[in-house]
Amino acid sequence: MIISVINKKGGVGKTPFAFSVAKDLEYFLQSNDNSIIEKIYPEKAKILPTPKKIDNCVYDFGGFVEKGVLDIIKESNKIIVPCTSNYNSLLRTLETLNEIGNDDRVCILVTDYRDEKEKRQICETLESNFTDLNLFFFKFSKIIENSMSSGASFTELYNENNLSRLSYTNFFNEYQRLLDFIRKDK
């Protein structure tokens, strides 16, 4: 299985989600953008200017389209597009969707929103441009930052103790739904 995580906008959560999905599924992780993935996932992560197509791999594509990226995206079983409520993020998300297309392999992760009003505004913007979107909602949570600083996946952080299970419940339930979406039609 090949999973691509892409958005032309940086800072929307591509790397934490790519890392966590790769680690939880025990997949390889490749990126064409400089990040800490080789440090926190040393045996299975690689940063390459032009990622190599391999099976059982999550691709964390930087906020730009480099040589070979579109070829891997075309062959991806699942494509994950994180976005935030930031106007530029929404604009870049729409550009990304226009470039890669929207089909049943594609899902949008609405990340880092603060309240239901903000979530609704993001959905209205996305749904006024595309129909039949696979949407997942990840309200602001420290789990994203904690994952990158600790090298633990979202699942590992959730399962650390009772307090983490309580703190991360809503985020983790949606993350489980995302993993189910990824595994579907495997």
N, C-alpha and C. Protein backbone atom coordinates (compact mmCIF):
# COMPACT_ATOMS: atom_id res chain seq x y z
N MET A 1 0.84 -1.18 0.00
CA MET A 1 0.00 0.00 0.00
C MET A 1 0.88 1.24 0.00
N ILE A 2 0.46 2.24 -0.76
CA ILE A 2 1.17 3.52 -0.83
C ILE A 2 0.22 4.60 -0.34
N ILE A 3 0.69 5.40 0.61
CA ILE A 3 -0.10 6.49 1.18
C ILE A 3 0.69 7.78 1.00
N SER A 4 0.06 8.78 0.41
CA SER A 4 0.70 10.08 0.24
C SER A 4 0.01 11.11 1.11
N VAL A 5 0.82 11.92 1.78
CA VAL A 5 0.31 13.04 2.57
C VAL A 5 0.84 14.30 1.90
N ILE A 6 -0.07 15.14 1.42
CA ILE A 6 0.36 16.29 0.62
C ILE A 6 -0.54 17.49 0.85
N ASN A 7 0.04 18.65 0.79
CA ASN A 7 -0.65 19.93 0.69
C ASN A 7 0.42 20.93 0.29
N LYS A 8 0.09 21.83 -0.61
CA LYS A 8 1.07 22.83 -1.04
C LYS A 8 1.43 23.80 0.07
N LYS A 9 0.61 23.85 1.12
CA LYS A 9 0.85 24.75 2.25
C LYS A 9 1.62 24.00 3.32
N GLY A 10 2.66 24.63 3.84
CA GLY A 10 3.40 24.06 4.95
C GLY A 10 2.71 24.36 6.27
N GLY A 11 3.08 23.63 7.31
CA GLY A 11 2.57 23.90 8.65
C GLY A 11 1.15 23.47 8.92
N VAL A 12 0.63 22.53 8.12
CA VAL A 12 -0.76 22.09 8.30
C VAL A 12 -0.86 20.74 9.00
N GLY A 13 0.28 20.13 9.32
CA GLY A 13 0.26 18.85 10.03
C GLY A 13 0.64 17.65 9.18
N LYS A 14 1.22 17.88 8.01
CA LYS A 14 1.58 16.75 7.14
C LYS A 14 2.53 15.79 7.84
N THR A 15 3.62 16.30 8.38
CA THR A 15 4.65 15.43 8.95
C THR A 15 4.16 14.65 10.17
N PRO A 16 3.49 15.27 11.16
CA PRO A 16 3.02 14.47 12.29
C PRO A 16 2.04 13.36 11.89
N PHE A 17 1.14 13.66 10.96
CA PHE A 17 0.19 12.63 10.53
C PHE A 17 0.90 11.55 9.71
N ALA A 18 1.80 11.94 8.81
CA ALA A 18 2.53 10.96 8.00
C ALA A 18 3.34 10.04 8.91
N PHE A 19 4.05 10.63 9.88
CA PHE A 19 4.86 9.85 10.81
C PHE A 19 4.00 8.89 11.62
N SER A 20 2.93 9.40 12.18
CA SER A 20 2.09 8.58 13.06
C SER A 20 1.45 7.43 12.30
N VAL A 21 0.92 7.71 11.11
CA VAL A 21 0.31 6.65 10.29
C VAL A 21 1.37 5.61 9.94
N ALA A 22 2.54 6.06 9.51
CA ALA A 22 3.61 5.12 9.14
C ALA A 22 3.99 4.24 10.34
N LYS A 23 4.19 4.86 11.48
CA LYS A 23 4.62 4.10 12.65
C LYS A 23 3.53 3.13 13.12
N ASP A 24 2.29 3.59 13.14
CA ASP A 24 1.20 2.73 13.61
C ASP A 24 0.91 1.58 12.65
N LEU A 25 1.16 1.77 11.37
CA LEU A 25 0.96 0.69 10.39
C LEU A 25 2.24 -0.09 10.13
N GLU A 26 3.34 0.32 10.78
CA GLU A 26 4.66 -0.28 10.59
C GLU A 26 5.12 -0.19 9.14
N TYR A 27 4.88 0.98 8.54
CA TYR A 27 5.28 1.25 7.15
C TYR A 27 6.57 2.06 7.14
N PHE A 28 7.18 2.12 5.98
CA PHE A 28 8.30 3.02 5.77
C PHE A 28 7.75 4.44 5.65
N LEU A 29 8.63 5.42 5.81
CA LEU A 29 8.25 6.83 5.69
C LEU A 29 9.32 7.54 4.88
N GLN A 30 8.89 8.21 3.81
CA GLN A 30 9.82 9.00 3.00
C GLN A 30 9.30 10.43 2.89
N SER A 31 10.24 11.37 2.82
CA SER A 31 9.88 12.77 2.64
C SER A 31 10.86 13.42 1.68
N ASN A 32 10.37 14.43 0.96
CA ASN A 32 11.24 15.23 0.10
C ASN A 32 11.51 16.58 0.75
N ASP A 33 11.16 16.71 2.02
CA ASP A 33 11.30 17.96 2.75
C ASP A 33 12.08 17.71 4.03
N ASN A 34 12.92 18.65 4.39
CA ASN A 34 13.74 18.50 5.58
C ASN A 34 12.87 18.47 6.84
N SER A 35 13.06 17.45 7.66
CA SER A 35 12.30 17.34 8.91
C SER A 35 13.05 16.41 9.86
N ILE A 36 12.43 16.11 11.00
CA ILE A 36 13.09 15.28 12.01
C ILE A 36 12.77 13.80 11.88
N ILE A 37 12.13 13.40 10.79
CA ILE A 37 11.65 12.01 10.70
C ILE A 37 12.75 10.97 10.81
N GLU A 38 13.94 11.26 10.29
CA GLU A 38 15.03 10.27 10.38
C GLU A 38 15.50 10.08 11.82
N LYS A 39 15.36 11.12 12.64
CA LYS A 39 15.74 11.02 14.06
C LYS A 39 14.69 10.25 14.86
N ILE A 40 13.41 10.53 14.61
CA ILE A 40 12.38 9.92 15.45
C ILE A 40 11.88 8.57 14.94
N TYR A 41 12.26 8.23 13.71
CA TYR A 41 11.84 6.94 13.11
C TYR A 41 13.03 6.39 12.32
N PRO A 42 14.17 6.19 13.02
CA PRO A 42 15.45 5.95 12.35
C PRO A 42 15.55 4.73 11.45
N GLU A 43 14.88 3.67 11.78
CA GLU A 43 15.02 2.45 10.98
C GLU A 43 14.18 2.46 9.71
N LYS A 44 13.16 3.31 9.66
CA LYS A 44 12.22 3.24 8.55
C LYS A 44 11.98 4.55 7.82
N ALA A 45 12.59 5.65 8.25
CA ALA A 45 12.34 6.95 7.62
C ALA A 45 13.55 7.42 6.82
N LYS A 46 13.27 8.07 5.70
CA LYS A 46 14.33 8.57 4.84
C LYS A 46 13.90 9.88 4.20
N ILE A 47 14.81 10.84 4.16
CA ILE A 47 14.58 12.09 3.44
C ILE A 47 15.40 12.03 2.16
N LEU A 48 14.70 12.17 1.04
CA LEU A 48 15.35 12.11 -0.28
C LEU A 48 14.80 13.24 -1.14
N PRO A 49 15.66 13.88 -1.95
CA PRO A 49 15.15 14.94 -2.84
C PRO A 49 14.08 14.41 -3.79
N THR A 50 14.29 13.19 -4.28
CA THR A 50 13.30 12.52 -5.12
C THR A 50 12.98 11.18 -4.48
N PRO A 51 11.87 11.09 -3.74
CA PRO A 51 11.53 9.83 -3.07
C PRO A 51 11.40 8.67 -4.06
N LYS A 52 11.78 7.49 -3.58
CA LYS A 52 11.68 6.28 -4.39
C LYS A 52 10.34 5.60 -4.10
N LYS A 53 9.72 5.08 -5.15
CA LYS A 53 8.43 4.40 -4.99
C LYS A 53 8.68 2.99 -4.45
N ILE A 54 8.17 2.73 -3.25
CA ILE A 54 8.24 1.40 -2.65
C ILE A 54 6.88 1.09 -2.03
N ASP A 55 6.61 -0.18 -1.82
CA ASP A 55 5.34 -0.57 -1.22
C ASP A 55 5.41 -0.41 0.30
N ASN A 56 4.25 -0.37 0.94
CA ASN A 56 4.15 -0.19 2.39
C ASN A 56 4.92 1.03 2.86
N CYS A 57 4.59 2.15 2.23
CA CYS A 57 5.29 3.40 2.52
C CYS A 57 4.30 4.55 2.60
N VAL A 58 4.58 5.44 3.55
CA VAL A 58 3.86 6.71 3.64
C VAL A 58 4.81 7.78 3.13
N TYR A 59 4.32 8.62 2.23
CA TYR A 59 5.11 9.70 1.66
C TYR A 59 4.64 11.02 2.25
N ASP A 60 5.57 11.75 2.84
CA ASP A 60 5.30 13.06 3.42
C ASP A 60 5.87 14.09 2.45
N PHE A 61 5.01 14.59 1.56
CA PHE A 61 5.47 15.52 0.54
C PHE A 61 5.40 16.95 1.05
N GLY A 62 6.53 17.66 0.93
CA GLY A 62 6.62 19.04 1.39
C GLY A 62 5.63 19.93 0.68
N GLY A 63 5.60 21.18 1.08
CA GLY A 63 4.64 22.13 0.54
C GLY A 63 4.96 22.59 -0.86
N PHE A 64 5.48 21.73 -1.66
CA PHE A 64 5.85 22.05 -3.04
C PHE A 64 5.81 20.76 -3.84
N VAL A 65 5.68 20.89 -5.14
CA VAL A 65 5.62 19.69 -5.98
C VAL A 65 6.96 19.53 -6.69
N GLU A 66 7.68 18.49 -6.35
CA GLU A 66 8.97 18.18 -6.93
C GLU A 66 8.83 17.05 -7.94
N LYS A 67 9.90 16.82 -8.66
CA LYS A 67 9.96 15.73 -9.64
C LYS A 67 9.59 14.39 -8.98
N GLY A 68 8.76 13.64 -9.64
CA GLY A 68 8.39 12.31 -9.17
C GLY A 68 7.22 12.27 -8.22
N VAL A 69 6.85 13.40 -7.63
CA VAL A 69 5.77 13.43 -6.64
C VAL A 69 4.44 13.03 -7.26
N LEU A 70 4.09 13.64 -8.38
CA LEU A 70 2.79 13.35 -9.00
C LEU A 70 2.69 11.89 -9.46
N ASP A 71 3.82 11.31 -9.88
CA ASP A 71 3.81 9.89 -10.27
C ASP A 71 3.45 9.01 -9.07
N ILE A 72 4.04 9.31 -7.91
CA ILE A 72 3.74 8.52 -6.71
C ILE A 72 2.30 8.76 -6.28
N ILE A 73 1.84 9.99 -6.37
CA ILE A 73 0.46 10.29 -5.98
C ILE A 73 -0.53 9.53 -6.86
N LYS A 74 -0.26 9.47 -8.15
CA LYS A 74 -1.15 8.74 -9.07
C LYS A 74 -1.26 7.27 -8.68
N GLU A 75 -0.18 6.71 -8.14
CA GLU A 75 -0.17 5.29 -7.78
C GLU A 75 -0.54 5.04 -6.32
N SER A 76 -0.83 6.09 -5.58
CA SER A 76 -1.17 5.96 -4.16
C SER A 76 -2.53 5.32 -3.96
N ASN A 77 -2.60 4.45 -2.97
CA ASN A 77 -3.88 3.84 -2.59
C ASN A 77 -4.74 4.82 -1.80
N LYS A 78 -4.08 5.66 -1.01
CA LYS A 78 -4.76 6.68 -0.22
C LYS A 78 -3.95 7.97 -0.29
N ILE A 79 -4.68 9.09 -0.32
CA ILE A 79 -4.05 10.41 -0.37
C ILE A 79 -4.67 11.24 0.75
N ILE A 80 -3.81 11.73 1.64
CA ILE A 80 -4.26 12.50 2.80
C ILE A 80 -3.85 13.96 2.59
N VAL A 81 -4.82 14.87 2.72
CA VAL A 81 -4.56 16.30 2.53
C VAL A 81 -4.97 17.04 3.81
N PRO A 82 -4.00 17.32 4.69
CA PRO A 82 -4.33 18.09 5.89
C PRO A 82 -4.52 19.57 5.56
N CYS A 83 -5.40 20.24 6.29
CA CYS A 83 -5.53 21.69 6.13
C CYS A 83 -5.99 22.32 7.44
N THR A 84 -5.75 23.61 7.57
CA THR A 84 -6.20 24.37 8.74
C THR A 84 -7.18 25.44 8.27
N SER A 85 -7.67 26.23 9.22
CA SER A 85 -8.64 27.27 8.88
C SER A 85 -7.99 28.51 8.29
N ASN A 86 -6.69 28.59 8.34
CA ASN A 86 -5.96 29.72 7.76
C ASN A 86 -6.36 29.89 6.29
N TYR A 87 -6.63 31.13 5.89
CA TYR A 87 -7.10 31.39 4.52
C TYR A 87 -6.14 30.82 3.48
N ASN A 88 -4.84 31.04 3.68
CA ASN A 88 -3.85 30.54 2.73
C ASN A 88 -3.83 29.01 2.70
N SER A 89 -4.05 28.39 3.84
CA SER A 89 -4.12 26.93 3.90
C SER A 89 -5.29 26.41 3.09
N LEU A 90 -6.45 27.03 3.25
CA LEU A 90 -7.64 26.61 2.48
C LEU A 90 -7.41 26.81 0.99
N LEU A 91 -6.82 27.94 0.62
CA LEU A 91 -6.52 28.22 -0.78
C LEU A 91 -5.58 27.16 -1.35
N ARG A 92 -4.52 26.85 -0.62
CA ARG A 92 -3.56 25.83 -1.07
C ARG A 92 -4.18 24.43 -1.09
N THR A 93 -5.08 24.17 -0.16
CA THR A 93 -5.77 22.88 -0.15
C THR A 93 -6.61 22.73 -1.41
N LEU A 94 -7.34 23.77 -1.77
CA LEU A 94 -8.15 23.74 -2.99
C LEU A 94 -7.26 23.58 -4.23
N GLU A 95 -6.12 24.27 -4.26
CA GLU A 95 -5.16 24.11 -5.37
C GLU A 95 -4.66 22.67 -5.43
N THR A 96 -4.33 22.11 -4.28
CA THR A 96 -3.85 20.73 -4.22
C THR A 96 -4.91 19.77 -4.75
N LEU A 97 -6.15 19.94 -4.30
CA LEU A 97 -7.23 19.07 -4.77
C LEU A 97 -7.47 19.23 -6.26
N ASN A 98 -7.38 20.46 -6.77
CA ASN A 98 -7.54 20.67 -8.21
C ASN A 98 -6.44 19.95 -8.99
N GLU A 99 -5.25 19.93 -8.43
CA GLU A 99 -4.12 19.30 -9.11
C GLU A 99 -4.18 17.77 -9.06
N ILE A 100 -4.52 17.21 -7.90
CA ILE A 100 -4.51 15.74 -7.77
C ILE A 100 -5.86 15.12 -8.06
N GLY A 101 -6.92 15.93 -8.01
CA GLY A 101 -8.27 15.41 -8.21
C GLY A 101 -8.86 14.91 -6.91
N ASN A 102 -10.16 14.76 -6.89
CA ASN A 102 -10.84 14.24 -5.70
C ASN A 102 -11.56 12.96 -6.08
N ASP A 103 -11.13 11.87 -5.50
CA ASP A 103 -11.83 10.60 -5.69
C ASP A 103 -11.88 9.88 -4.35
N ASP A 104 -12.31 8.64 -4.35
CA ASP A 104 -12.51 7.95 -3.07
C ASP A 104 -11.22 7.60 -2.34
N ARG A 105 -10.06 7.82 -2.97
CA ARG A 105 -8.77 7.59 -2.30
C ARG A 105 -8.38 8.79 -1.43
N VAL A 106 -8.97 9.94 -1.71
CA VAL A 106 -8.55 11.20 -1.10
C VAL A 106 -9.36 11.49 0.17
N CYS A 107 -8.66 11.94 1.20
CA CYS A 107 -9.35 12.43 2.40
C CYS A 107 -8.71 13.74 2.85
N ILE A 108 -9.55 14.59 3.41
CA ILE A 108 -9.11 15.89 3.92
C ILE A 108 -9.13 15.82 5.44
N LEU A 109 -8.01 16.22 6.05
CA LEU A 109 -7.94 16.30 7.50
C LEU A 109 -8.07 17.77 7.89
N VAL A 110 -9.16 18.12 8.50
CA VAL A 110 -9.35 19.48 9.02
C VAL A 110 -8.67 19.49 10.38
N THR A 111 -7.52 20.16 10.47
CA THR A 111 -6.70 20.10 11.68
C THR A 111 -6.66 21.44 12.40
N ASP A 112 -6.38 21.37 13.68
CA ASP A 112 -6.03 22.54 14.47
C ASP A 112 -7.15 23.58 14.60
N TYR A 113 -8.39 23.19 14.34
CA TYR A 113 -9.47 24.17 14.51
C TYR A 113 -9.79 24.30 16.00
N ARG A 114 -10.37 25.45 16.37
CA ARG A 114 -10.59 25.75 17.79
C ARG A 114 -12.01 25.51 18.26
N ASP A 115 -13.00 25.69 17.37
CA ASP A 115 -14.39 25.54 17.81
C ASP A 115 -15.27 25.12 16.63
N GLU A 116 -16.53 24.86 16.93
CA GLU A 116 -17.46 24.37 15.91
C GLU A 116 -17.70 25.39 14.80
N LYS A 117 -17.70 26.67 15.14
CA LYS A 117 -17.91 27.72 14.14
C LYS A 117 -16.77 27.69 13.11
N GLU A 118 -15.54 27.60 13.59
CA GLU A 118 -14.38 27.53 12.71
C GLU A 118 -14.43 26.27 11.85
N LYS A 119 -14.80 25.16 12.44
CA LYS A 119 -14.93 23.89 11.72
C LYS A 119 -15.97 24.01 10.61
N ARG A 120 -17.10 24.62 10.92
CA ARG A 120 -18.18 24.81 9.94
C ARG A 120 -17.72 25.68 8.77
N GLN A 121 -16.98 26.75 9.07
CA GLN A 121 -16.49 27.65 8.01
C GLN A 121 -15.54 26.91 7.07
N ILE A 122 -14.68 26.10 7.63
CA ILE A 122 -13.74 25.31 6.81
C ILE A 122 -14.53 24.37 5.90
N CYS A 123 -15.49 23.66 6.48
CA CYS A 123 -16.31 22.72 5.70
C CYS A 123 -17.06 23.42 4.58
N GLU A 124 -17.65 24.57 4.89
CA GLU A 124 -18.40 25.32 3.86
C GLU A 124 -17.49 25.72 2.71
N THR A 125 -16.30 26.18 3.02
CA THR A 125 -15.35 26.58 1.97
C THR A 125 -14.97 25.38 1.12
N LEU A 126 -14.62 24.28 1.76
CA LEU A 126 -14.22 23.08 1.01
C LEU A 126 -15.38 22.52 0.19
N GLU A 127 -16.55 22.42 0.81
CA GLU A 127 -17.70 21.80 0.14
C GLU A 127 -18.33 22.70 -0.92
N SER A 128 -18.01 23.99 -0.91
CA SER A 128 -18.52 24.86 -1.98
C SER A 128 -17.69 24.68 -3.25
N ASN A 129 -16.55 24.02 -3.13
CA ASN A 129 -15.68 23.78 -4.28
C ASN A 129 -15.65 22.32 -4.72
N PHE A 130 -15.89 21.41 -3.79
CA PHE A 130 -15.84 19.98 -4.07
C PHE A 130 -16.99 19.27 -3.38
N THR A 131 -17.49 18.22 -4.01
CA THR A 131 -18.54 17.42 -3.39
C THR A 131 -17.97 16.06 -3.02
N ASP A 132 -18.67 15.35 -2.18
CA ASP A 132 -18.28 13.99 -1.78
C ASP A 132 -16.88 13.92 -1.19
N LEU A 133 -16.53 14.88 -0.35
CA LEU A 133 -15.23 14.85 0.30
C LEU A 133 -15.25 13.88 1.49
N ASN A 134 -14.16 13.16 1.66
CA ASN A 134 -13.96 12.34 2.85
C ASN A 134 -13.29 13.24 3.89
N LEU A 135 -14.04 13.72 4.85
CA LEU A 135 -13.54 14.69 5.83
C LEU A 135 -13.30 14.04 7.18
N PHE A 136 -12.18 14.42 7.80
CA PHE A 136 -11.84 13.99 9.15
C PHE A 136 -11.51 15.25 9.94
N PHE A 137 -11.88 15.28 11.21
CA PHE A 137 -11.78 16.50 12.00
C PHE A 137 -10.91 16.30 13.23
N PHE A 138 -9.83 17.09 13.31
CA PHE A 138 -8.89 17.01 14.42
C PHE A 138 -8.77 18.37 15.08
N LYS A 139 -9.54 18.56 16.13
CA LYS A 139 -9.51 19.82 16.88
C LYS A 139 -8.11 20.01 17.46
N PHE A 140 -7.74 21.27 17.71
CA PHE A 140 -6.42 21.56 18.28
C PHE A 140 -6.12 20.62 19.44
N SER A 141 -4.93 20.02 19.40
CA SER A 141 -4.51 19.11 20.46
C SER A 141 -2.99 19.11 20.56
N LYS A 142 -2.51 19.02 21.78
CA LYS A 142 -1.06 18.94 22.02
C LYS A 142 -0.48 17.62 21.52
N ILE A 143 -1.31 16.64 21.20
CA ILE A 143 -0.82 15.34 20.77
C ILE A 143 0.06 15.47 19.52
N ILE A 144 -0.26 16.44 18.66
CA ILE A 144 0.51 16.61 17.42
C ILE A 144 1.93 17.05 17.76
N GLU A 145 2.06 18.08 18.56
CA GLU A 145 3.38 18.56 18.98
C GLU A 145 4.11 17.50 19.80
N ASN A 146 3.40 16.83 20.70
CA ASN A 146 4.01 15.81 21.55
C ASN A 146 4.54 14.63 20.74
N SER A 147 3.86 14.31 19.66
CA SER A 147 4.30 13.22 18.80
C SER A 147 5.67 13.54 18.19
N MET A 148 5.81 14.75 17.70
CA MET A 148 7.07 15.14 17.06
C MET A 148 8.20 15.28 18.07
N SER A 149 7.90 15.76 19.26
CA SER A 149 8.96 15.95 20.26
C SER A 149 9.36 14.65 20.94
N SER A 150 8.44 13.70 21.02
CA SER A 150 8.73 12.44 21.73
C SER A 150 9.12 11.29 20.80
N GLY A 151 8.73 11.39 19.52
CA GLY A 151 8.95 10.27 18.61
C GLY A 151 7.95 9.15 18.82
N ALA A 152 6.85 9.45 19.50
CA ALA A 152 5.79 8.46 19.72
C ALA A 152 4.63 8.76 18.77
N SER A 153 4.03 7.71 18.25
CA SER A 153 2.87 7.89 17.37
C SER A 153 1.67 8.34 18.20
N PHE A 154 0.61 8.75 17.52
CA PHE A 154 -0.62 9.14 18.22
C PHE A 154 -1.15 7.98 19.06
N THR A 155 -1.07 6.78 18.53
CA THR A 155 -1.54 5.60 19.27
C THR A 155 -0.70 5.37 20.52
N GLU A 156 0.61 5.47 20.38
CA GLU A 156 1.49 5.28 21.53
C GLU A 156 1.24 6.33 22.60
N LEU A 157 1.06 7.58 22.18
CA LEU A 157 0.79 8.65 23.15
C LEU A 157 -0.55 8.43 23.85
N TYR A 158 -1.55 8.06 23.10
CA TYR A 158 -2.88 7.81 23.66
C TYR A 158 -2.81 6.70 24.72
N ASN A 159 -2.05 5.66 24.44
CA ASN A 159 -1.99 4.49 25.32
C ASN A 159 -0.98 4.61 26.46
N GLU A 160 -0.33 5.76 26.62
CA GLU A 160 0.68 5.91 27.67
C GLU A 160 0.13 5.69 29.08
N ASN A 161 -1.02 6.29 29.38
CA ASN A 161 -1.60 6.17 30.72
C ASN A 161 -3.06 6.63 30.69
N ASN A 162 -3.72 6.54 31.84
CA ASN A 162 -5.14 6.92 31.90
C ASN A 162 -5.36 8.39 31.59
N LEU A 163 -4.46 9.25 32.04
CA LEU A 163 -4.61 10.68 31.78
C LEU A 163 -4.50 10.98 30.28
N SER A 164 -3.54 10.35 29.61
CA SER A 164 -3.40 10.58 28.16
C SER A 164 -4.62 10.04 27.41
N ARG A 165 -5.14 8.91 27.85
CA ARG A 165 -6.36 8.37 27.21
C ARG A 165 -7.52 9.34 27.38
N LEU A 166 -7.63 9.93 28.55
CA LEU A 166 -8.69 10.90 28.80
C LEU A 166 -8.47 12.18 27.97
N SER A 167 -7.24 12.68 27.97
CA SER A 167 -6.92 13.94 27.28
C SER A 167 -7.07 13.83 25.77
N TYR A 168 -6.72 12.69 25.21
CA TYR A 168 -6.66 12.54 23.76
C TYR A 168 -7.84 11.76 23.17
N THR A 169 -8.86 11.48 23.95
CA THR A 169 -9.96 10.60 23.51
C THR A 169 -10.58 11.03 22.18
N ASN A 170 -11.03 12.27 22.09
CA ASN A 170 -11.71 12.72 20.86
C ASN A 170 -10.78 12.67 19.66
N PHE A 171 -9.56 13.16 19.85
CA PHE A 171 -8.58 13.14 18.76
C PHE A 171 -8.32 11.70 18.32
N PHE A 172 -8.10 10.83 19.30
CA PHE A 172 -7.75 9.45 18.98
C PHE A 172 -8.90 8.71 18.31
N ASN A 173 -10.13 8.97 18.72
CA ASN A 173 -11.28 8.32 18.07
C ASN A 173 -11.34 8.69 16.59
N GLU A 174 -11.08 9.94 16.28
CA GLU A 174 -11.08 10.37 14.88
C GLU A 174 -9.88 9.79 14.14
N TYR A 175 -8.75 9.69 14.83
CA TYR A 175 -7.56 9.08 14.23
C TYR A 175 -7.82 7.61 13.90
N GLN A 176 -8.51 6.90 14.78
CA GLN A 176 -8.88 5.51 14.51
C GLN A 176 -9.76 5.42 13.27
N ARG A 177 -10.67 6.37 13.14
CA ARG A 177 -11.54 6.42 11.95
C ARG A 177 -10.69 6.63 10.69
N LEU A 178 -9.65 7.47 10.79
CA LEU A 178 -8.73 7.69 9.67
C LEU A 178 -7.99 6.40 9.34
N LEU A 179 -7.48 5.71 10.35
CA LEU A 179 -6.77 4.44 10.09
C LEU A 179 -7.70 3.42 9.45
N ASP A 180 -8.96 3.38 9.86
CA ASP A 180 -9.94 2.48 9.24
C ASP A 180 -10.14 2.84 7.77
N PHE A 181 -10.22 4.13 7.47
CA PHE A 181 -10.35 4.60 6.09
C PHE A 181 -9.15 4.14 5.26
N ILE A 182 -7.97 4.26 5.83
CA ILE A 182 -6.74 3.87 5.13
C ILE A 182 -6.74 2.36 4.87
N ARG A 183 -7.12 1.59 5.86
CA ARG A 183 -7.09 0.12 5.74
C ARG A 183 -8.18 -0.42 4.81
N LYS A 184 -9.25 0.35 4.63
CA LYS A 184 -10.37 -0.09 3.79
C LYS A 184 -9.88 -0.28 2.35
N ASP A 185 -10.29 -1.32 1.70
CA ASP A 185 -9.90 -1.63 0.32
C ASP A 185 -8.41 -1.88 0.19
N LYS A 186 -7.77 -2.30 1.26
CA LYS A 186 -6.32 -2.54 1.24
C LYS A 186 -5.95 -3.66 0.30
